[in-house]
Amino acid sequence: MNVDSKVFLKKKFKKHYLSNPVQAPPEVHRREFGFGTLEDKIKYRHKSFSNSRALNDFLRRETPFFVSYSCAYYEFPENQPMESKNWLGAEVVFDLDLEVGFLSSMKMRQVKSECIALTRFLEDDFGLNPREYSVNFSGGKGYHIHVDLEGVRGLNSNQRRQLSDYVTAANLNRESFISCRQSPVGINTSGRKKGRVQGGMVVGPKLGDVGWAGRIYDGTVRLLDSSADELKKLGFTPHVAKKITSEKDKLKKYLDEGNWTAIQNLIYKSGGRDVLALVIENYAVKNMAVPDTDQQVTQDVSRLIRLPDSLHGGTGLSAKAVWDIDSFDPLVDAVVFPDEKVSVSFTRSVPEFDLGGETHGPYKKSSQTALPEYAVVYLLLKNVCDVI
């Protein structure tokens, strides 16, 4: 990027902060801040501000390209080393981040669907209501979800890791969902075929269960509703696939009651496929977990995270607070620069990308064109063109 392009970006960022003050986070005087350049997202840190006005004065004066603040609260946020800050607690933050290359509407819809799935975990599994967590677009490739309640501020790194393990289904243990009730005394089970469930009823996820047990129940219903061809693709023999489709109503009745005896017996009719493990892998985890949650962010009790409503120095988009995730479109709603045309010359070839409700490109190296200012800011920050 040449000098003129760097000056162009600095002027645009400064103009934005002069007319668009950011809202300081709660208890701003107890937060550590970090700031970045075009080269480093966090070039320097250990900065604090007494109030919102001091923070905004700094942004207007210094115009950093990245603004981050601590999820933690400290007694002395400017102190170094970290131990001398006196940690007082921290928000729990879930960071959803998807590698997108150049901005793509399809990829952004994918990460948005994961964000919605994570909010369902917060509400359905952890018992939060929408007022007890906040959702922010990161300004780049995903979303940050903050939980800032007195009851979670004191959680240590291991406890926070357990939360991220839960939503990502990391180390989900199938044995936790299955137990065996012994047959009443006097019932002879010795004549049953070897390999079948013996000695009682296998009990597992059932209708009305919550959490992962409920998700496994839902996944099993989907399995039983599959066509014979779909079942064969999952590894069932043609004979067993046909039997499942013909007896699915009976199997669903057993499933609703939590009676997994008949369902588990399918293991031995399907060449050794473990039905529960199959459901967890192909239905529950694949369709209901939130795999792109960055576990390192959640368990880090001193993490610096993007400040809401600040500009992202990799895209020029605003890290907006999101009030209605269903209707939010980051590639439109987070655009802050105008659509006035600016001429550029490409220093690298650029594929198609989506921004501002339009698809732009592709562009060849050394070609020249005029683009909306918001697209030019984005491409300059990607270091693929220069202003002319």
Protein backbone atom coordinates (compact mmCIF):
# COMPACT_ATOMS: atom_id res chain seq x y z
CA MET A 1 0.00 0.00 0.00
CA ASN A 2 1.45 3.37 -0.99
CA VAL A 3 1.60 6.47 1.20
CA ASP A 4 -1.38 8.17 -0.47
CA SER A 5 -3.55 5.14 0.28
CA LYS A 6 -2.49 5.08 3.94
CA VAL A 7 -3.27 8.79 4.27
CA PHE A 8 -6.65 8.23 2.58
CA LEU A 9 -7.55 5.52 5.11
CA LYS A 10 -6.40 7.55 8.11
CA LYS A 11 -8.52 10.52 7.01
CA LYS A 12 -11.60 8.36 6.50
CA PHE A 13 -11.28 6.67 9.90
CA LYS A 14 -10.70 10.01 11.64
CA LYS A 15 -13.70 11.61 9.92
CA HIS A 16 -15.86 8.71 11.07
CA TYR A 17 -14.83 8.98 14.73
CA LEU A 18 -15.25 12.76 14.70
CA SER A 19 -18.95 12.39 13.90
CA ASN A 20 -19.73 8.95 15.37
CA PRO A 21 -18.82 8.61 19.05
CA VAL A 22 -18.68 5.07 20.39
CA GLN A 23 -20.46 3.93 23.51
CA ALA A 24 -18.04 3.01 26.29
CA PRO A 25 -18.44 -0.46 27.84
CA PRO A 26 -19.93 -0.79 31.35
CA GLU A 27 -17.53 0.33 34.10
CA VAL A 28 -15.15 1.70 31.49
CA HIS A 29 -12.70 2.87 34.18
CA ARG A 30 -12.07 -0.78 35.11
CA ARG A 31 -11.29 -1.94 31.56
CA GLU A 32 -7.98 -2.34 29.81
CA PHE A 33 -7.83 -1.13 26.20
CA GLY A 34 -5.62 -2.13 23.30
CA PHE A 35 -5.15 -0.44 19.93
CA GLY A 36 -3.93 -1.61 16.56
CA THR A 37 -2.33 -0.39 13.37
CA LEU A 38 -2.56 -1.59 9.79
CA GLU A 39 0.15 -4.11 10.63
CA ASP A 40 -0.92 -5.33 14.10
CA LYS A 41 -4.42 -5.70 15.53
CA ILE A 42 -3.07 -4.98 19.01
CA LYS A 43 0.07 -2.88 18.75
CA TYR A 44 -0.11 -1.51 22.28
CA ARG A 45 -2.31 -2.13 25.32
CA HIS A 46 -2.50 -1.45 29.09
CA LYS A 47 -4.43 1.76 28.44
CA SER A 48 -7.47 2.87 30.45
CA PHE A 49 -9.99 5.71 30.41
CA SER A 50 -11.89 7.35 33.23
CA ASN A 51 -15.07 7.84 31.21
CA SER A 52 -16.66 7.71 27.77
CA ARG A 53 -15.57 11.23 26.87
CA ALA A 54 -11.90 10.43 27.48
CA LEU A 55 -12.20 7.31 25.33
CA ASN A 56 -13.79 9.18 22.42
CA ASP A 57 -11.29 12.04 22.67
CA PHE A 58 -8.52 9.48 22.28
CA LEU A 59 -10.16 7.88 19.23
CA ARG A 60 -10.60 11.25 17.51
CA ARG A 61 -7.04 12.27 18.27
CA GLU A 62 -5.12 9.04 17.63
CA THR A 63 -7.46 7.28 15.17
CA PRO A 64 -6.34 3.67 15.66
CA PHE A 65 -7.36 1.09 13.06
CA PHE A 66 -8.38 -1.45 15.71
CA VAL A 67 -9.95 -0.81 19.13
CA SER A 68 -10.21 -3.61 21.69
CA TYR A 69 -11.14 -3.71 25.36
CA SER A 70 -10.85 -6.30 28.09
CA CYS A 71 -13.67 -8.65 28.93
CA ALA A 72 -12.13 -8.43 32.42
CA TYR A 73 -12.63 -5.83 35.12
CA TYR A 74 -9.51 -4.66 36.99
CA GLU A 75 -8.79 -2.46 39.96
CA PHE A 76 -5.74 -1.03 38.17
CA PRO A 77 -6.25 -1.68 34.42
CA GLU A 78 -3.14 0.27 33.33
CA ASN A 79 -0.72 -1.62 35.57
CA GLN A 80 1.95 -3.98 34.27
CA PRO A 81 2.58 -6.89 34.54
CA MET A 82 -0.88 -8.45 34.32
CA GLU A 83 -0.75 -9.76 37.90
CA SER A 84 -0.57 -6.21 39.26
CA LYS A 85 -3.87 -5.16 37.66
CA ASN A 86 -5.85 -7.02 40.38
CA TRP A 87 -8.41 -9.00 38.37
CA LEU A 88 -11.97 -8.48 39.66
CA GLY A 89 -13.89 -10.74 37.29
CA ALA A 90 -14.72 -10.98 33.60
CA GLU A 91 -17.55 -11.29 31.14
CA VAL A 92 -18.00 -14.64 29.41
CA VAL A 93 -17.44 -14.10 25.69
CA PHE A 94 -18.19 -16.48 22.83
CA ASP A 95 -16.33 -15.64 19.63
CA LEU A 96 -17.76 -17.04 16.39
CA ASP A 97 -15.21 -16.65 13.65
CA LEU A 98 -15.37 -18.19 10.18
CA GLU A 99 -12.55 -18.01 7.66
CA VAL A 100 -14.12 -16.22 4.70
CA GLY A 101 -11.23 -14.97 2.54
CA PHE A 102 -12.94 -12.14 0.68
CA LEU A 103 -16.33 -11.13 2.05
CA SER A 104 -19.06 -13.57 1.05
CA SER A 105 -22.80 -13.36 1.70
CA MET A 106 -23.01 -17.14 1.82
CA LYS A 107 -20.27 -17.44 4.45
CA MET A 108 -21.76 -14.62 6.51
CA ARG A 109 -25.15 -16.35 6.48
CA GLN A 110 -23.44 -19.51 7.70
CA VAL A 111 -21.78 -17.83 10.68
CA LYS A 112 -24.99 -15.94 11.43
CA SER A 113 -26.88 -19.24 11.65
CA GLU A 114 -24.28 -20.45 14.16
CA CYS A 115 -24.74 -17.25 16.14
CA ILE A 116 -28.49 -17.89 16.30
CA ALA A 117 -27.80 -21.48 17.38
CA LEU A 118 -25.54 -20.25 20.17
CA THR A 119 -28.21 -17.86 21.47
CA ARG A 120 -30.54 -20.87 21.67
CA PHE A 121 -27.99 -22.63 23.87
CA LEU A 122 -27.86 -19.56 26.12
CA GLU A 123 -31.63 -19.42 26.45
CA ASP A 124 -32.72 -23.07 26.30
CA ASP A 125 -29.80 -24.74 28.09
CA PHE A 126 -28.33 -22.02 30.33
CA GLY A 127 -31.63 -20.32 31.19
CA LEU A 128 -30.74 -16.79 30.09
CA ASN A 129 -33.22 -14.35 28.64
CA PRO A 130 -32.28 -12.06 25.72
CA ARG A 131 -31.68 -9.12 28.08
CA GLU A 132 -28.93 -11.06 29.86
CA TYR A 133 -26.57 -11.34 26.91
CA SER A 134 -25.55 -9.10 24.02
CA VAL A 135 -24.61 -9.86 20.42
CA ASN A 136 -22.08 -7.81 18.48
CA PHE A 137 -20.89 -8.18 14.91
CA SER A 138 -17.10 -8.39 15.07
CA GLY A 139 -16.67 -6.07 12.09
CA GLY A 140 -14.89 -8.87 10.27
CA LYS A 141 -15.75 -12.55 10.00
CA GLY A 142 -18.22 -13.28 12.76
CA TYR A 143 -19.92 -12.36 16.01
CA HIS A 144 -19.10 -11.84 19.67
CA ILE A 145 -21.68 -12.84 22.28
CA HIS A 146 -21.17 -11.34 25.75
CA VAL A 147 -22.65 -12.57 29.03
CA ASP A 148 -21.99 -10.05 31.78
CA LEU A 149 -23.78 -11.22 34.92
CA GLU A 150 -22.52 -11.21 38.49
CA GLY A 151 -22.91 -14.97 38.60
CA VAL A 152 -20.44 -15.61 35.76
CA ARG A 153 -17.81 -12.93 36.33
CA GLY A 154 -15.89 -15.08 38.78
CA LEU A 155 -15.69 -18.21 36.60
CA ASN A 156 -12.15 -19.48 36.09
CA SER A 157 -10.62 -20.57 32.78
CA ASN A 158 -11.51 -24.23 33.23
CA GLN A 159 -15.14 -23.45 34.00
CA ARG A 160 -15.34 -21.21 30.94
CA ARG A 161 -13.80 -23.94 28.80
CA GLN A 162 -16.58 -26.28 29.92
CA LEU A 163 -19.12 -23.79 28.57
CA SER A 164 -17.43 -23.69 25.17
CA ASP A 165 -17.06 -27.49 25.21
CA TYR A 166 -20.80 -27.75 25.76
CA VAL A 167 -21.87 -25.57 22.82
CA THR A 168 -19.30 -27.09 20.46
CA ALA A 169 -20.10 -30.66 21.61
CA ALA A 170 -16.42 -31.23 22.30
CA ASN A 171 -15.83 -34.61 23.95
CA LEU A 172 -19.55 -35.41 23.92
CA ASN A 173 -19.72 -38.79 25.67
CA ARG A 174 -22.35 -41.18 24.30
CA GLU A 175 -22.22 -43.25 27.49
CA SER A 176 -23.68 -40.31 29.40
CA PHE A 177 -26.98 -40.72 27.57
CA ILE A 178 -27.53 -44.48 27.90
CA SER A 179 -28.19 -46.66 30.92
CA CYS A 180 -29.57 -50.17 31.45
CA ARG A 181 -32.40 -51.09 33.78
CA GLN A 182 -32.06 -54.67 34.98
CA SER A 183 -34.82 -57.20 34.32
CA PRO A 184 -36.97 -58.15 37.30
CA VAL A 185 -35.76 -61.20 39.23
CA GLY A 186 -37.03 -64.46 37.72
CA ILE A 187 -37.03 -63.41 34.07
CA ASN A 188 -34.88 -65.72 31.99
CA THR A 189 -32.83 -63.85 29.40
CA SER A 190 -30.32 -66.61 28.68
CA GLY A 191 -32.14 -67.75 25.57
CA ARG A 192 -31.77 -64.43 23.77
CA LYS A 193 -29.40 -64.23 20.86
CA LYS A 194 -25.86 -63.27 21.67
CA GLY A 195 -25.14 -59.63 20.87
CA ARG A 196 -28.66 -58.42 21.50
CA VAL A 197 -29.44 -56.22 24.50
CA GLN A 198 -29.79 -58.57 27.46
CA GLY A 199 -30.78 -58.34 31.08
CA GLY A 200 -33.20 -55.40 30.92
CA MET A 201 -34.27 -52.29 29.06
CA VAL A 202 -31.81 -49.82 27.59
CA VAL A 203 -32.89 -46.30 28.60
CA GLY A 204 -31.87 -43.25 26.58
CA PRO A 205 -32.98 -39.84 25.28
CA LYS A 206 -36.76 -39.45 25.08
CA LEU A 207 -39.51 -37.01 24.20
CA GLY A 208 -39.40 -33.95 26.45
CA ASP A 209 -35.70 -34.17 27.30
CA VAL A 210 -33.72 -30.94 27.26
CA GLY A 211 -30.09 -30.10 26.50
CA TRP A 212 -28.04 -32.51 24.45
CA ALA A 213 -30.34 -35.41 25.35
CA GLY A 214 -33.19 -33.51 23.69
CA ARG A 215 -31.03 -32.80 20.65
CA ILE A 216 -30.11 -36.49 20.36
CA TYR A 217 -33.80 -37.37 20.57
CA ASP A 218 -34.55 -34.90 17.75
CA GLY A 219 -31.67 -36.32 15.72
CA THR A 220 -32.95 -39.86 16.19
CA VAL A 221 -36.40 -38.81 14.97
CA ARG A 222 -34.72 -37.42 11.85
CA LEU A 223 -32.83 -40.69 11.41
CA LEU A 224 -36.04 -42.71 11.64
CA ASP A 225 -37.69 -40.36 9.14
CA SER A 226 -34.89 -40.91 6.61
CA SER A 227 -35.52 -42.74 3.36
CA ALA A 228 -34.05 -46.18 2.74
CA ASP A 229 -31.49 -44.66 0.36
CA GLU A 230 -30.40 -42.12 2.98
CA LEU A 231 -30.05 -44.87 5.57
CA LYS A 232 -27.91 -46.96 3.24
CA LYS A 233 -25.59 -43.97 2.76
CA LEU A 234 -25.14 -43.95 6.54
CA GLY A 235 -23.97 -47.57 6.46
CA PHE A 236 -27.13 -49.57 7.08
CA THR A 237 -27.62 -52.71 5.01
CA PRO A 238 -30.48 -52.62 2.47
CA HIS A 239 -32.43 -55.12 4.58
CA VAL A 240 -32.12 -53.10 7.79
CA ALA A 241 -32.79 -49.79 5.99
CA LYS A 242 -36.04 -51.24 4.64
CA LYS A 243 -36.99 -52.57 8.08
CA ILE A 244 -36.38 -49.18 9.73
CA THR A 245 -38.59 -47.38 7.22
CA SER A 246 -41.36 -49.96 7.56
CA GLU A 247 -41.27 -49.99 11.38
CA LYS A 248 -40.48 -46.35 12.07
CA ASP A 249 -43.81 -45.64 13.79
CA LYS A 250 -43.20 -48.47 16.26
CA LEU A 251 -39.60 -47.35 16.80
CA LYS A 252 -40.73 -43.75 17.37
CA LYS A 253 -43.14 -44.96 20.04
CA TYR A 254 -40.30 -46.72 21.85
CA LEU A 255 -38.12 -43.63 21.40
CA ASP A 256 -40.75 -41.30 22.89
CA GLU A 257 -40.74 -43.47 26.02
CA GLY A 258 -36.94 -43.57 26.19
CA ASN A 259 -36.92 -47.31 25.47
CA TRP A 260 -33.80 -47.75 23.38
CA THR A 261 -33.77 -51.56 23.51
CA ALA A 262 -35.28 -52.02 20.05
CA ILE A 263 -33.27 -49.13 18.64
CA GLN A 264 -29.97 -50.41 20.03
CA ASN A 265 -30.71 -53.86 18.65
CA LEU A 266 -30.40 -52.27 15.21
CA ILE A 267 -26.68 -52.01 15.93
CA TYR A 268 -26.31 -55.73 15.42
CA LYS A 269 -28.50 -55.78 12.34
CA SER A 270 -26.54 -53.04 10.62
CA GLY A 271 -23.07 -54.48 10.52
CA GLY A 272 -22.04 -53.11 13.89
CA ARG A 273 -23.09 -49.48 13.40
CA ASP A 274 -23.65 -47.80 16.76
CA VAL A 275 -26.98 -46.04 16.29
CA LEU A 276 -26.46 -43.58 19.14
CA ALA A 277 -22.96 -42.63 17.98
CA LEU A 278 -24.28 -42.33 14.42
CA VAL A 279 -27.07 -39.99 15.54
CA ILE A 280 -24.69 -37.85 17.60
CA GLU A 281 -22.22 -37.52 14.73
CA ASN A 282 -24.55 -37.11 11.75
CA TYR A 283 -27.55 -35.33 13.22
CA ALA A 284 -27.10 -33.82 16.68
CA VAL A 285 -23.53 -32.48 16.42
CA LYS A 286 -23.47 -31.70 12.71
CA ASN A 287 -26.76 -29.79 12.74
CA MET A 288 -27.04 -28.40 16.27
CA ALA A 289 -23.56 -27.72 17.68
CA VAL A 290 -21.68 -24.44 17.19
CA PRO A 291 -18.31 -25.71 15.91
CA ASP A 292 -16.79 -22.35 14.97
CA THR A 293 -16.75 -21.05 18.54
CA ASP A 294 -13.18 -20.02 19.39
CA GLN A 295 -12.61 -21.86 22.65
CA GLN A 296 -9.43 -19.93 23.42
CA VAL A 297 -11.41 -16.68 23.57
CA THR A 298 -14.06 -18.06 25.93
CA GLN A 299 -11.60 -19.47 28.44
CA ASP A 300 -9.28 -16.43 28.43
CA VAL A 301 -10.16 -14.34 31.50
CA SER A 302 -8.04 -11.39 30.30
CA ARG A 303 -9.03 -11.36 26.63
CA LEU A 304 -9.14 -8.14 24.64
CA ILE A 305 -12.17 -8.12 22.33
CA ARG A 306 -13.38 -5.70 19.64
CA LEU A 307 -15.12 -2.60 21.03
CA PRO A 308 -18.73 -2.39 19.79
CA ASP A 309 -19.34 0.39 17.24
CA SER A 310 -15.62 0.80 16.57
CA LEU A 311 -14.22 0.32 13.07
CA HIS A 312 -12.54 -2.91 12.04
CA GLY A 313 -9.13 -2.23 10.54
CA GLY A 314 -9.35 -5.22 8.22
CA THR A 315 -12.68 -4.40 6.55
CA GLY A 316 -13.73 -0.83 7.36
CA LEU A 317 -17.01 -2.20 8.70
CA SER A 318 -18.46 -1.20 12.05
CA ALA A 319 -18.38 -3.72 14.88
CA LYS A 320 -22.05 -3.04 15.46
CA ALA A 321 -24.18 -4.03 18.39
CA VAL A 322 -26.88 -6.33 16.98
CA TRP A 323 -30.40 -5.94 18.36
CA ASP A 324 -32.21 -8.23 15.90
CA ILE A 325 -29.94 -11.02 14.68
CA ASP A 326 -32.61 -12.48 12.38
CA SER A 327 -32.84 -9.35 10.22
CA PHE A 328 -29.22 -8.20 10.56
CA ASP A 329 -27.11 -8.23 7.39
CA PRO A 330 -23.51 -7.28 8.27
CA LEU A 331 -22.54 -6.63 4.65
CA VAL A 332 -25.20 -3.92 4.48
CA ASP A 333 -26.00 -2.83 8.04
CA ALA A 334 -22.36 -2.51 9.16
CA VAL A 335 -21.30 -0.39 6.17
CA VAL A 336 -20.48 3.14 7.38
CA PHE A 337 -18.64 4.75 4.49
CA PRO A 338 -20.57 6.34 1.58
CA ASP A 339 -21.00 5.05 -1.96
CA GLU A 340 -19.26 7.96 -3.69
CA LYS A 341 -16.96 6.63 -6.39
CA VAL A 342 -13.19 6.54 -5.85
CA SER A 343 -10.68 5.45 -8.50
CA VAL A 344 -8.22 2.67 -7.71
CA SER A 345 -5.49 0.65 -9.37
CA PHE A 346 -5.20 -3.02 -8.42
CA THR A 347 -1.86 -4.34 -7.21
CA ARG A 348 -3.20 -7.90 -7.05
CA SER A 349 -5.97 -9.83 -8.72
CA VAL A 350 -9.19 -9.85 -6.69
CA PRO A 351 -12.00 -12.43 -6.84
CA GLU A 352 -15.68 -11.61 -6.52
CA PHE A 353 -16.78 -10.31 -3.12
CA ASP A 354 -20.04 -9.13 -1.59
CA LEU A 355 -20.42 -5.77 0.13
CA GLY A 356 -23.03 -3.03 0.39
CA GLY A 357 -25.76 -5.22 -1.07
CA GLU A 358 -23.79 -5.76 -4.29
CA THR A 359 -21.36 -8.26 -5.76
CA HIS A 360 -18.11 -6.65 -6.90
CA GLY A 361 -15.37 -8.00 -9.15
CA PRO A 362 -13.48 -9.93 -10.18
CA TYR A 363 -10.63 -7.51 -10.92
CA LYS A 364 -7.31 -8.22 -12.59
CA LYS A 365 -3.93 -7.06 -11.36
CA SER A 366 -2.91 -3.66 -12.85
CA SER A 367 -6.48 -2.87 -13.93
CA GLN A 368 -8.14 0.40 -12.89
CA THR A 369 -11.72 1.19 -12.00
CA ALA A 370 -13.93 3.42 -9.85
CA LEU A 371 -15.74 1.83 -6.90
CA PRO A 372 -17.93 2.98 -3.99
CA GLU A 373 -15.87 4.43 -1.16
CA TYR A 374 -16.89 1.65 1.26
CA ALA A 375 -15.55 -0.96 -1.20
CA VAL A 376 -12.35 1.02 -1.74
CA VAL A 377 -11.73 1.22 2.01
CA TYR A 378 -12.21 -2.55 2.24
CA LEU A 379 -9.86 -3.31 -0.65
CA LEU A 380 -7.20 -0.91 0.64
CA LEU A 381 -7.32 -2.65 4.01
CA LYS A 382 -6.92 -5.97 2.17
CA ASN A 383 -3.82 -4.39 0.58
CA VAL A 384 -4.84 -5.28 -2.98
CA CYS A 385 -5.10 -1.80 -4.54
CA ASP A 386 -4.06 1.84 -4.25
CA VAL A 387 -6.03 5.04 -4.75
CA ILE A 388 -5.21 7.03 -7.89
